[in-house]
Amino acid sequence: MLRGVFLSVSSAETKPLSPCFSGPGYCMGIGPLISHGRFLWMGVGNACNYYNKTYGDFVRVWISGEETFIISKSSSVSHVMKHWHYVSRFGSKLGLQCIGMYENGIIFNNNPAHWKEIRPFFTKALSGPGLVRMIAICVESTTEHLDRLQEVTTELGNINALNLMRRIMLDTSNKLFLGVPLDENAIVLKIQNYFDAWQALLLKPDIFFKISWLCKKYKDAVKDLKGAMEILIEQKRQKLSTVEKLDEHMDFASQLIFAQNRGDLTAENVNQCVLEMMIAAPDTLSVTLFFMLILIAEHPTVEEEMMREIETVVGDRDIQSDDMPNLKIVENFIYESMRYQPVVDLIMRKALQDDVIDGYPVKKGTNIILNIGRMHKLEFFPKPNEFSLENFEKNVPSRYFQPFGFGPRSCVGKFIAMVMMKAILVTLLRRCRVQTMKGRGLNNIQKNNDLSMHPIERQPLLEMVFTPRRNENENQGDGMDQH
């Protein structure tokens, strides 16, 4: 009897569901339990890679009993991204309610009508004049934090580069979008804990939330950050009530506050939108830049190419908006880094109507996971499994490379993200050389591939060595000692 049960469980993940679809079999309901369990056990990213590797580039599984397609085929990915009936996301209702994202904010708001009302606030803040202002803000913030490297220096004299990037990202976001004094170190820690809760609760079954002691630490982490943000937003309200010229203070948070005053938004909407704007860069962009610093240290010839271009295009002055399109090598490095070592390598959507994707019938309500990280290593690129700028020497059709997505629900911050990465990298590299510790590199760093790819915290492999460049010493004195 036990042998029969074992064989049934095994066959649930080996027997195809139907001639039309690849994937684990239903097997009297055991298949859906196992596939959801695999996502909870392995993490979303690892589970997606497992299923695509095992069954192909269009796989059917189940999450919370709901039919879910995992797709890593470029034509299918493009189809989903460009159509409006895939603008909704999916996740546990109770989990999203816990973190404040259920039908609220922009990141995981699964109410398309409300999401469309909220998105213009983000679009306005992340484009136009804000895009240009962010360049100077990134230069200023990076310089200030390099002058205070002792704040992220370990007892052994090494730099916690990931923490440095998180602090720079938070500072730049605050200066452009909120504009109130804050405790940088404390907020960075709260953001990390909030992200851990978001990642942990997103796909949890409903029964998990009925056991209070299981989810208490996650609820506390969410409450901690939301409480801190509410205090900062209240400070912003007080500041706006006393200024003489509002035009000088009309940033993202101000626009939301005035929308609330008009009755267009609720206080909960304002708080969640500000929270999401403030966590976006410290959560993902900081890790992206950290991986880039590791890759620069591992590939000195690439660093030399970048430095020659920076010296030619930028020279001795600070980077400006006119420099951005001329930094082709830096741009290709950024693209190749995001392709080779992505942070966000999957996109989660829900079908709002019946459809057909590359011949596969998709029912309304079906969950979709686009495994873009795997797609970027399967099609088009000449050296898909290597880090090489040759992968971007020729123009890459957008169908094959979508780190920010495209279409109606593409990343709203994709343009400002590129500006920030260029400005910070150029400023940092002109100032200092980065090195990894001996024998340590990207492949040695332990990573968790769940909702996104993050290095596991509290490992010495995250430490780096920053050495001032000679011309920096000559031109600006000894403002930064070797660390």
Protein backbone atom coordinates (compact mmCIF):
# COMPACT_ATOMS: atom_id res chain seq x y z
CA MET A 1 0.00 0.00 0.00
CA LEU A 2 2.78 2.44 0.96
CA ARG A 3 4.55 1.57 -2.27
CA GLY A 4 1.39 2.45 -4.20
CA VAL A 5 1.14 5.85 -2.49
CA PHE A 6 4.81 6.55 -3.23
CA LEU A 7 4.38 5.67 -6.89
CA SER A 8 1.31 7.91 -7.10
CA VAL A 9 3.20 10.89 -5.64
CA SER A 10 6.17 10.30 -7.94
CA SER A 11 4.00 10.02 -11.03
CA ALA A 12 2.24 13.28 -10.15
CA GLU A 13 5.36 15.20 -11.21
CA THR A 14 6.42 12.95 -14.07
CA LYS A 15 3.24 12.08 -15.96
CA PRO A 16 2.19 14.80 -18.44
CA LEU A 17 -1.21 16.33 -17.71
CA SER A 18 -2.52 16.10 -21.28
CA PRO A 19 -1.21 15.78 -24.84
CA CYS A 20 -1.50 19.58 -25.21
CA PHE A 21 0.57 20.66 -22.22
CA SER A 22 3.88 19.73 -20.66
CA GLY A 23 4.08 19.59 -16.90
CA PRO A 24 3.34 17.43 -13.86
CA GLY A 25 0.20 15.31 -13.87
CA TYR A 26 -2.95 16.02 -11.85
CA CYS A 27 -2.97 12.51 -10.31
CA MET A 28 -6.17 12.76 -8.20
CA GLY A 29 -5.23 16.20 -6.88
CA ILE A 30 -1.77 15.21 -5.66
CA GLY A 31 -0.03 17.05 -8.53
CA PRO A 32 -1.39 20.49 -7.58
CA LEU A 33 -0.37 19.96 -3.95
CA ILE A 34 3.15 18.97 -4.93
CA SER A 35 3.64 21.81 -7.41
CA HIS A 36 2.46 24.46 -4.92
CA GLY A 37 4.63 22.84 -2.27
CA ARG A 38 7.62 23.03 -4.57
CA PHE A 39 7.15 26.80 -4.96
CA LEU A 40 6.97 27.22 -1.18
CA TRP A 41 9.99 24.97 -0.60
CA MET A 42 12.31 26.06 -3.42
CA GLY A 43 11.18 29.66 -3.92
CA VAL A 44 9.40 31.02 -6.99
CA GLY A 45 12.51 31.56 -9.13
CA ASN A 46 14.08 28.19 -8.39
CA ALA A 47 10.79 26.35 -8.90
CA CYS A 48 10.22 28.05 -12.26
CA ASN A 49 13.71 27.10 -13.44
CA TYR A 50 13.15 23.52 -12.27
CA TYR A 51 9.88 23.14 -14.17
CA ASN A 52 11.14 24.81 -17.37
CA LYS A 53 14.30 22.71 -17.31
CA THR A 54 12.32 19.52 -16.69
CA TYR A 55 9.35 20.00 -19.00
CA GLY A 56 10.20 22.72 -21.54
CA ASP A 57 9.52 26.39 -22.18
CA PHE A 58 5.71 26.26 -21.73
CA VAL A 59 4.73 24.34 -18.60
CA ARG A 60 1.46 23.96 -16.70
CA VAL A 61 1.52 23.64 -12.91
CA TRP A 62 -0.75 24.76 -10.05
CA ILE A 63 -0.40 27.37 -7.32
CA SER A 64 -3.08 27.36 -4.60
CA GLY A 65 -5.03 24.99 -6.83
CA GLU A 66 -5.07 27.54 -9.67
CA GLU A 67 -3.80 26.64 -13.12
CA THR A 68 -0.47 28.36 -13.72
CA PHE A 69 1.70 28.56 -16.84
CA ILE A 70 5.47 29.02 -16.57
CA ILE A 71 6.78 30.45 -19.85
CA SER A 72 10.36 31.01 -21.02
CA LYS A 73 9.73 31.20 -24.78
CA SER A 74 10.32 34.70 -26.22
CA SER A 75 7.33 34.75 -28.57
CA SER A 76 4.97 33.70 -25.77
CA VAL A 77 6.53 36.17 -23.33
CA SER A 78 6.07 39.00 -25.84
CA HIS A 79 2.44 38.03 -26.40
CA VAL A 80 1.67 38.29 -22.69
CA MET A 81 3.54 41.55 -22.14
CA LYS A 82 1.94 43.49 -24.97
CA HIS A 83 -1.73 42.67 -24.29
CA TRP A 84 -3.93 44.55 -21.84
CA HIS A 85 -5.72 41.41 -20.70
CA TYR A 86 -2.56 40.39 -18.83
CA VAL A 87 -2.04 43.58 -16.78
CA SER A 88 -3.26 42.00 -13.53
CA ARG A 89 -0.95 40.18 -11.13
CA PHE A 90 -1.66 37.25 -8.84
CA GLY A 91 -0.80 36.22 -5.32
CA SER A 92 -2.39 35.21 -2.03
CA LYS A 93 -5.19 37.65 -1.18
CA LEU A 94 -4.43 37.37 2.53
CA GLY A 95 -0.71 37.75 1.89
CA LEU A 96 -1.17 40.86 -0.25
CA GLN A 97 -3.58 42.31 2.30
CA CYS A 98 -1.00 41.75 5.02
CA ILE A 99 1.72 43.68 3.17
CA GLY A 100 -0.70 46.40 2.00
CA MET A 101 -0.50 45.61 -1.74
CA TYR A 102 -3.93 44.06 -2.27
CA GLU A 103 -5.70 46.40 -4.74
CA ASN A 104 -3.38 49.16 -3.58
CA GLY A 105 -0.12 50.75 -4.71
CA ILE A 106 1.35 49.82 -8.08
CA ILE A 107 3.71 46.86 -7.72
CA PHE A 108 1.24 44.00 -7.04
CA ASN A 109 -2.06 45.87 -7.34
CA ASN A 110 -4.34 43.27 -8.98
CA ASN A 111 -7.24 45.68 -9.56
CA PRO A 112 -6.61 46.91 -13.13
CA ALA A 113 -8.99 49.88 -12.85
CA HIS A 114 -7.40 51.19 -9.66
CA TRP A 115 -3.90 50.41 -10.92
CA LYS A 116 -4.59 52.59 -14.00
CA GLU A 117 -5.60 55.48 -11.70
CA ILE A 118 -2.45 55.15 -9.59
CA ARG A 119 0.16 54.61 -12.32
CA PRO A 120 0.16 58.21 -13.69
CA PHE A 121 1.47 59.51 -10.35
CA PHE A 122 4.48 57.20 -10.70
CA THR A 123 4.92 57.90 -14.41
CA LYS A 124 5.07 61.66 -13.84
CA ALA A 125 7.56 61.35 -10.98
CA LEU A 126 9.84 58.95 -12.86
CA SER A 127 10.09 60.87 -16.14
CA GLY A 128 10.62 64.37 -17.50
CA PRO A 129 12.28 66.84 -15.09
CA GLY A 130 12.60 64.16 -12.42
CA LEU A 131 14.70 62.06 -14.76
CA VAL A 132 17.15 64.92 -15.28
CA ARG A 133 17.25 65.90 -11.61
CA MET A 134 18.02 62.32 -10.60
CA ILE A 135 21.41 62.46 -12.35
CA ALA A 136 22.69 65.27 -10.13
CA ILE A 137 21.11 63.64 -7.07
CA CYS A 138 22.86 60.32 -7.79
CA VAL A 139 26.23 62.06 -8.23
CA GLU A 140 25.75 64.00 -5.00
CA SER A 141 24.58 61.01 -2.98
CA THR A 142 27.30 58.66 -4.27
CA THR A 143 29.99 61.23 -3.50
CA GLU A 144 28.62 61.87 0.00
CA HIS A 145 28.46 58.16 0.81
CA LEU A 146 31.97 57.51 -0.50
CA ASP A 147 33.15 60.29 1.81
CA ARG A 148 31.50 58.39 4.69
CA LEU A 149 32.68 54.88 3.86
CA GLN A 150 33.51 54.27 7.51
CA GLU A 151 29.76 53.84 8.10
CA VAL A 152 29.75 50.66 5.98
CA THR A 153 33.26 49.46 6.80
CA THR A 154 33.69 46.20 8.73
CA GLU A 155 36.09 45.60 11.60
CA LEU A 156 38.55 44.10 9.10
CA GLY A 157 38.50 47.28 7.02
CA ASN A 158 36.40 45.91 4.16
CA ILE A 159 33.32 47.52 2.61
CA ASN A 160 29.83 46.10 2.90
CA ALA A 161 29.11 47.03 -0.71
CA LEU A 162 25.49 45.86 -0.68
CA ASN A 163 24.67 48.02 2.34
CA LEU A 164 26.44 50.95 0.66
CA MET A 165 24.28 50.57 -2.45
CA ARG A 166 21.12 50.31 -0.35
CA ARG A 167 21.93 53.51 1.50
CA ILE A 168 22.67 55.38 -1.73
CA MET A 169 19.43 54.12 -3.28
CA LEU A 170 17.35 55.15 -0.27
CA ASP A 171 18.99 58.58 -0.12
CA THR A 172 18.42 59.30 -3.82
CA SER A 173 14.80 58.13 -3.60
CA ASN A 174 14.16 60.29 -0.56
CA LYS A 175 15.71 63.39 -2.12
CA LEU A 176 13.63 63.15 -5.29
CA PHE A 177 10.33 61.65 -4.11
CA LEU A 178 9.76 62.50 -0.42
CA GLY A 179 12.22 65.10 0.83
CA VAL A 180 12.21 64.72 4.61
CA PRO A 181 15.01 63.82 7.05
CA LEU A 182 15.20 60.12 7.90
CA ASP A 183 17.36 57.58 9.70
CA GLU A 184 19.02 55.93 6.70
CA ASN A 185 20.35 52.85 8.46
CA ALA A 186 17.10 52.15 10.33
CA ILE A 187 14.90 52.52 7.24
CA VAL A 188 17.20 50.29 5.15
CA LEU A 189 16.82 47.53 7.74
CA LYS A 190 13.04 47.96 7.86
CA ILE A 191 12.89 47.71 4.06
CA GLN A 192 14.87 44.45 4.12
CA ASN A 193 12.48 42.99 6.70
CA TYR A 194 9.45 44.16 4.71
CA PHE A 195 10.80 42.51 1.57
CA ASP A 196 11.37 39.26 3.47
CA ALA A 197 7.73 39.37 4.58
CA TRP A 198 6.48 40.16 1.06
CA GLN A 199 8.47 37.27 -0.38
CA ALA A 200 7.41 34.85 2.34
CA LEU A 201 3.68 35.65 2.27
CA LEU A 202 3.02 36.10 -1.45
CA LEU A 203 2.07 32.48 -2.23
CA LYS A 204 1.26 31.11 1.22
CA PRO A 205 -1.97 29.07 1.52
CA ASP A 206 -4.82 30.62 3.51
CA ILE A 207 -4.35 28.22 6.42
CA PHE A 208 -0.96 29.77 7.12
CA PHE A 209 -2.61 33.06 8.12
CA LYS A 210 -4.90 31.31 10.60
CA ILE A 211 -1.89 30.28 12.71
CA SER A 212 -0.95 33.59 14.31
CA TRP A 213 2.48 32.62 15.61
CA LEU A 214 3.61 31.55 12.12
CA CYS A 215 2.97 34.92 10.50
CA LYS A 216 3.57 37.20 13.50
CA LYS A 217 7.14 38.17 12.60
CA TYR A 218 6.09 39.04 9.06
CA LYS A 219 3.14 41.12 10.21
CA ASP A 220 5.42 42.90 12.68
CA ALA A 221 7.95 43.66 9.92
CA VAL A 222 5.23 45.13 7.70
CA LYS A 223 3.80 47.16 10.57
CA ASP A 224 7.28 48.44 11.40
CA LEU A 225 7.96 49.87 7.94
CA LYS A 226 4.42 51.14 7.40
CA GLY A 227 4.54 52.92 10.74
CA ALA A 228 7.86 54.55 9.88
CA MET A 229 6.52 55.67 6.49
CA GLU A 230 3.37 57.13 8.03
CA ILE A 231 5.53 59.25 10.33
CA LEU A 232 7.65 60.49 7.41
CA ILE A 233 4.54 61.29 5.35
CA GLU A 234 3.06 63.23 8.25
CA GLN A 235 6.30 65.22 8.44
CA LYS A 236 5.85 65.94 4.73
CA ARG A 237 2.30 67.15 5.34
CA GLN A 238 3.51 69.49 8.05
CA LYS A 239 6.26 70.78 5.79
CA LEU A 240 3.82 71.49 2.96
CA SER A 241 1.52 73.40 5.30
CA THR A 242 4.27 75.88 6.18
CA VAL A 243 6.07 76.52 2.88
CA GLU A 244 5.49 79.75 0.98
CA LYS A 245 6.13 78.46 -2.57
CA LEU A 246 4.53 75.09 -3.23
CA ASP A 247 6.07 74.82 -6.70
CA GLU A 248 9.48 74.18 -5.16
CA HIS A 249 8.14 71.24 -3.14
CA MET A 250 5.84 69.49 -5.64
CA ASP A 251 7.46 66.07 -5.65
CA PHE A 252 5.89 62.61 -5.77
CA ALA A 253 4.73 62.61 -2.15
CA SER A 254 3.30 66.13 -2.49
CA GLN A 255 1.26 65.16 -5.56
CA LEU A 256 -0.22 62.21 -3.67
CA ILE A 257 -1.03 64.28 -0.59
CA PHE A 258 -2.85 66.92 -2.63
CA ALA A 259 -4.71 64.18 -4.51
CA GLN A 260 -5.89 62.91 -1.13
CA ASN A 261 -6.97 66.43 -0.15
CA ARG A 262 -9.08 66.55 -3.34
CA GLY A 263 -10.67 63.22 -2.47
CA ASP A 264 -9.03 61.32 -5.35
CA LEU A 265 -6.99 59.05 -3.07
CA THR A 266 -7.30 57.71 0.47
CA ALA A 267 -4.66 58.04 3.18
CA GLU A 268 -4.01 54.31 2.75
CA ASN A 269 -3.37 54.84 -0.97
CA VAL A 270 -0.90 57.64 -0.24
CA ASN A 271 0.96 55.68 2.41
CA GLN A 272 1.31 52.55 0.27
CA CYS A 273 2.38 54.45 -2.85
CA VAL A 274 5.08 56.34 -0.97
CA LEU A 275 6.21 53.11 0.69
CA GLU A 276 6.52 51.34 -2.66
CA MET A 277 8.38 54.24 -4.26
CA MET A 278 10.82 54.31 -1.36
CA ILE A 279 11.49 50.55 -1.29
CA ALA A 280 11.82 49.98 -5.05
CA ALA A 281 15.44 51.09 -5.49
CA PRO A 282 16.83 49.84 -2.13
CA ASP A 283 15.10 46.50 -2.74
CA THR A 284 16.14 45.61 -6.31
CA LEU A 285 18.34 48.29 -7.89
CA SER A 286 20.80 48.15 -5.00
CA VAL A 287 21.30 44.40 -5.47
CA THR A 288 21.64 44.91 -9.23
CA LEU A 289 24.43 47.44 -8.68
CA PHE A 290 26.09 45.19 -6.11
CA PHE A 291 26.23 42.34 -8.63
CA MET A 292 27.66 44.80 -11.16
CA LEU A 293 30.47 45.80 -8.80
CA ILE A 294 31.35 42.13 -8.35
CA LEU A 295 31.40 41.62 -12.13
CA ILE A 296 33.60 44.70 -12.61
CA ALA A 297 36.06 43.33 -10.06
CA GLU A 298 36.06 39.93 -11.80
CA HIS A 299 36.57 41.35 -15.30
CA PRO A 300 39.40 43.94 -15.26
CA THR A 301 39.50 44.24 -19.06
CA VAL A 302 35.84 45.28 -19.03
CA GLU A 303 36.62 47.81 -16.32
CA GLU A 304 39.43 49.23 -18.48
CA GLU A 305 37.08 49.60 -21.45
CA MET A 306 34.53 51.37 -19.29
CA MET A 307 37.11 53.70 -17.76
CA ARG A 308 38.46 54.71 -21.17
CA GLU A 309 34.95 55.58 -22.30
CA ILE A 310 34.20 57.47 -19.09
CA GLU A 311 37.40 59.51 -19.43
CA THR A 312 36.60 60.29 -23.08
CA VAL A 313 32.93 61.18 -22.60
CA VAL A 314 32.82 62.66 -19.10
CA GLY A 315 36.40 63.71 -18.41
CA ASP A 316 37.07 65.45 -15.09
CA ARG A 317 33.58 66.86 -14.54
CA ASP A 318 30.47 65.19 -13.11
CA ILE A 319 28.30 63.14 -15.41
CA GLN A 320 25.44 65.08 -17.07
CA SER A 321 22.29 64.19 -18.98
CA ASP A 322 23.95 64.83 -22.36
CA ASP A 323 26.53 62.14 -21.55
CA MET A 324 23.98 59.35 -21.13
CA PRO A 325 23.52 58.32 -24.79
CA ASN A 326 27.28 58.44 -25.41
CA LEU A 327 28.18 55.91 -22.71
CA LYS A 328 27.63 52.89 -24.95
CA ILE A 329 30.12 50.56 -23.26
CA VAL A 330 28.74 51.40 -19.82
CA GLU A 331 25.23 50.79 -21.13
CA ASN A 332 26.18 47.44 -22.68
CA PHE A 333 27.85 46.46 -19.41
CA ILE A 334 24.64 47.26 -17.52
CA TYR A 335 22.56 45.24 -19.97
CA GLU A 336 24.92 42.27 -19.92
CA SER A 337 25.05 42.32 -16.11
CA MET A 338 21.26 42.27 -15.92
CA ARG A 339 21.12 39.45 -18.45
CA TYR A 340 23.87 37.32 -16.93
CA GLN A 341 23.04 37.89 -13.25
CA PRO A 342 19.47 39.18 -13.03
CA VAL A 343 17.81 40.30 -9.82
CA VAL A 344 14.25 40.29 -11.13
CA ASP A 345 14.13 37.29 -13.46
CA LEU A 346 10.42 36.57 -13.49
CA ILE A 347 7.15 38.45 -14.04
CA MET A 348 3.83 37.33 -12.56
CA ARG A 349 0.53 38.02 -14.37
CA LYS A 350 -3.09 36.78 -14.52
CA ALA A 351 -5.22 36.27 -17.64
CA LEU A 352 -8.30 38.52 -17.56
CA GLN A 353 -9.95 36.78 -20.53
CA ASP A 354 -9.70 33.59 -22.55
CA ASP A 355 -6.79 33.62 -24.98
CA VAL A 356 -4.46 31.48 -27.09
CA ILE A 357 -0.68 31.83 -26.66
CA ASP A 358 1.43 30.17 -29.36
CA GLY A 359 -1.30 27.59 -29.89
CA TYR A 360 -1.90 26.91 -26.18
CA PRO A 361 -5.42 27.71 -24.92
CA VAL A 362 -5.41 29.94 -21.84
CA LYS A 363 -8.55 30.31 -19.73
CA LYS A 364 -9.60 33.48 -17.95
CA GLY A 365 -8.14 33.48 -14.42
CA THR A 366 -5.05 31.46 -15.33
CA ASN A 367 -1.85 32.54 -13.59
CA ILE A 368 1.15 33.31 -15.79
CA ILE A 369 4.82 33.41 -14.76
CA LEU A 370 7.22 34.76 -17.38
CA ASN A 371 10.66 33.28 -16.72
CA ILE A 372 12.62 36.05 -18.45
CA GLY A 373 15.87 35.15 -16.68
CA ARG A 374 15.88 31.75 -18.36
CA MET A 375 14.68 33.24 -21.66
CA HIS A 376 17.70 35.57 -21.71
CA LYS A 377 20.01 32.54 -21.70
CA LEU A 378 18.20 30.41 -24.26
CA GLU A 379 17.69 32.55 -27.34
CA PHE A 380 19.65 34.92 -29.60
CA PHE A 381 22.81 35.73 -27.58
CA PRO A 382 26.12 34.37 -29.00
CA LYS A 383 27.53 33.57 -25.55
CA PRO A 384 24.42 32.93 -23.46
CA ASN A 385 26.15 31.27 -20.50
CA GLU A 386 29.11 33.63 -20.30
CA PHE A 387 29.49 37.19 -19.08
CA SER A 388 30.63 38.95 -22.25
CA LEU A 389 29.99 42.39 -23.73
CA GLU A 390 29.96 40.62 -27.11
CA ASN A 391 26.38 39.69 -26.32
CA PHE A 392 25.42 43.33 -26.90
CA GLU A 393 27.87 44.34 -29.62
CA LYS A 394 25.04 44.04 -32.14
CA ASN A 395 21.55 45.42 -31.74
CA VAL A 396 19.42 43.02 -29.70
CA PRO A 397 15.76 42.83 -30.78
CA SER A 398 13.53 43.75 -27.84
CA ARG A 399 11.74 40.41 -28.10
CA TYR A 400 14.86 38.63 -26.79
CA PHE A 401 15.84 41.00 -23.99
CA GLN A 402 13.27 42.41 -21.58
CA PRO A 403 14.85 43.13 -18.17
CA PHE A 404 12.14 45.71 -17.39
CA GLY A 405 9.35 44.19 -19.46
CA PHE A 406 7.38 46.15 -22.03
CA GLY A 407 3.77 46.90 -22.85
CA PRO A 408 1.06 48.37 -20.61
CA ARG A 409 2.44 46.93 -17.36
CA SER A 410 6.16 47.31 -17.97
CA CYS A 411 8.33 48.58 -15.13
CA VAL A 412 7.29 52.21 -14.65
CA GLY A 413 10.80 53.10 -13.50
CA LYS A 414 12.78 51.51 -16.33
CA PHE A 415 14.10 54.78 -17.77
CA ILE A 416 15.09 56.36 -14.47
CA ALA A 417 16.67 53.06 -13.38
CA MET A 418 19.08 53.19 -16.33
CA VAL A 419 19.90 56.82 -15.55
CA MET A 420 20.57 56.00 -11.90
CA MET A 421 22.77 53.00 -12.66
CA LYS A 422 24.87 54.95 -15.16
CA ALA A 423 25.26 57.97 -12.89
CA ILE A 424 26.19 55.92 -9.82
CA LEU A 425 28.59 53.59 -11.66
CA VAL A 426 30.39 56.45 -13.41
CA THR A 427 30.71 58.48 -10.21
CA LEU A 428 31.92 55.50 -8.18
CA LEU A 429 34.37 54.17 -10.78
CA ARG A 430 35.93 57.60 -11.36
CA ARG A 431 36.50 57.80 -7.64
CA CYS A 432 37.78 54.34 -6.78
CA ARG A 433 38.68 50.86 -7.96
CA VAL A 434 36.62 47.96 -6.61
CA GLN A 435 38.00 44.52 -5.77
CA THR A 436 36.59 41.34 -4.33
CA MET A 437 38.31 39.50 -1.52
CA LYS A 438 40.79 36.87 -2.69
CA GLY A 439 39.09 33.75 -4.01
CA ARG A 440 35.62 35.28 -3.79
CA GLY A 441 33.35 36.06 -6.69
CA LEU A 442 29.82 36.06 -8.02
CA ASN A 443 29.61 32.27 -8.25
CA ASN A 444 30.74 31.89 -4.62
CA ILE A 445 28.04 34.16 -3.22
CA GLN A 446 25.08 32.25 -1.80
CA LYS A 447 21.85 33.52 -3.33
CA ASN A 448 18.15 33.04 -2.71
CA ASN A 449 16.09 32.91 -5.92
CA ASP A 450 12.51 33.43 -4.81
CA LEU A 451 10.45 36.48 -5.75
CA SER A 452 13.76 37.94 -6.90
CA MET A 453 17.43 36.99 -6.76
CA HIS A 454 19.10 38.27 -3.58
CA PRO A 455 22.37 37.34 -1.90
CA ILE A 456 21.90 35.66 1.45
CA GLU A 457 22.72 38.24 4.12
CA ARG A 458 25.46 38.06 6.73
CA GLN A 459 28.08 36.28 4.66
CA PRO A 460 31.62 37.68 4.39
CA LEU A 461 31.48 37.21 0.61
CA LEU A 462 29.47 40.44 0.40
CA GLU A 463 32.51 42.47 1.47
CA MET A 464 34.70 44.29 -1.05
CA VAL A 465 37.81 46.47 -1.13
CA PHE A 466 37.56 50.05 -2.42
CA THR A 467 40.86 51.67 -3.44
CA PRO A 468 41.09 55.38 -4.39
CA ARG A 469 42.29 56.02 -7.93
CA ARG A 470 45.47 58.09 -8.36
CA ASN A 471 43.87 60.91 -10.28
CA GLU A 472 41.24 61.18 -7.54
CA ASN A 473 43.96 61.62 -4.92
CA GLU A 474 45.68 64.27 -7.01
CA ASN A 475 42.54 66.23 -7.89
CA GLN A 476 40.51 66.02 -4.70
CA GLY A 477 42.98 65.29 -1.95
CA ASP A 478 42.68 62.38 0.45
CA GLY A 479 38.96 62.56 1.19
CA MET A 480 38.66 58.78 0.94
CA ASP A 481 41.23 56.51 2.51
CA GLN A 482 41.73 52.99 1.23
CA HIS A 483 39.08 50.59 2.53
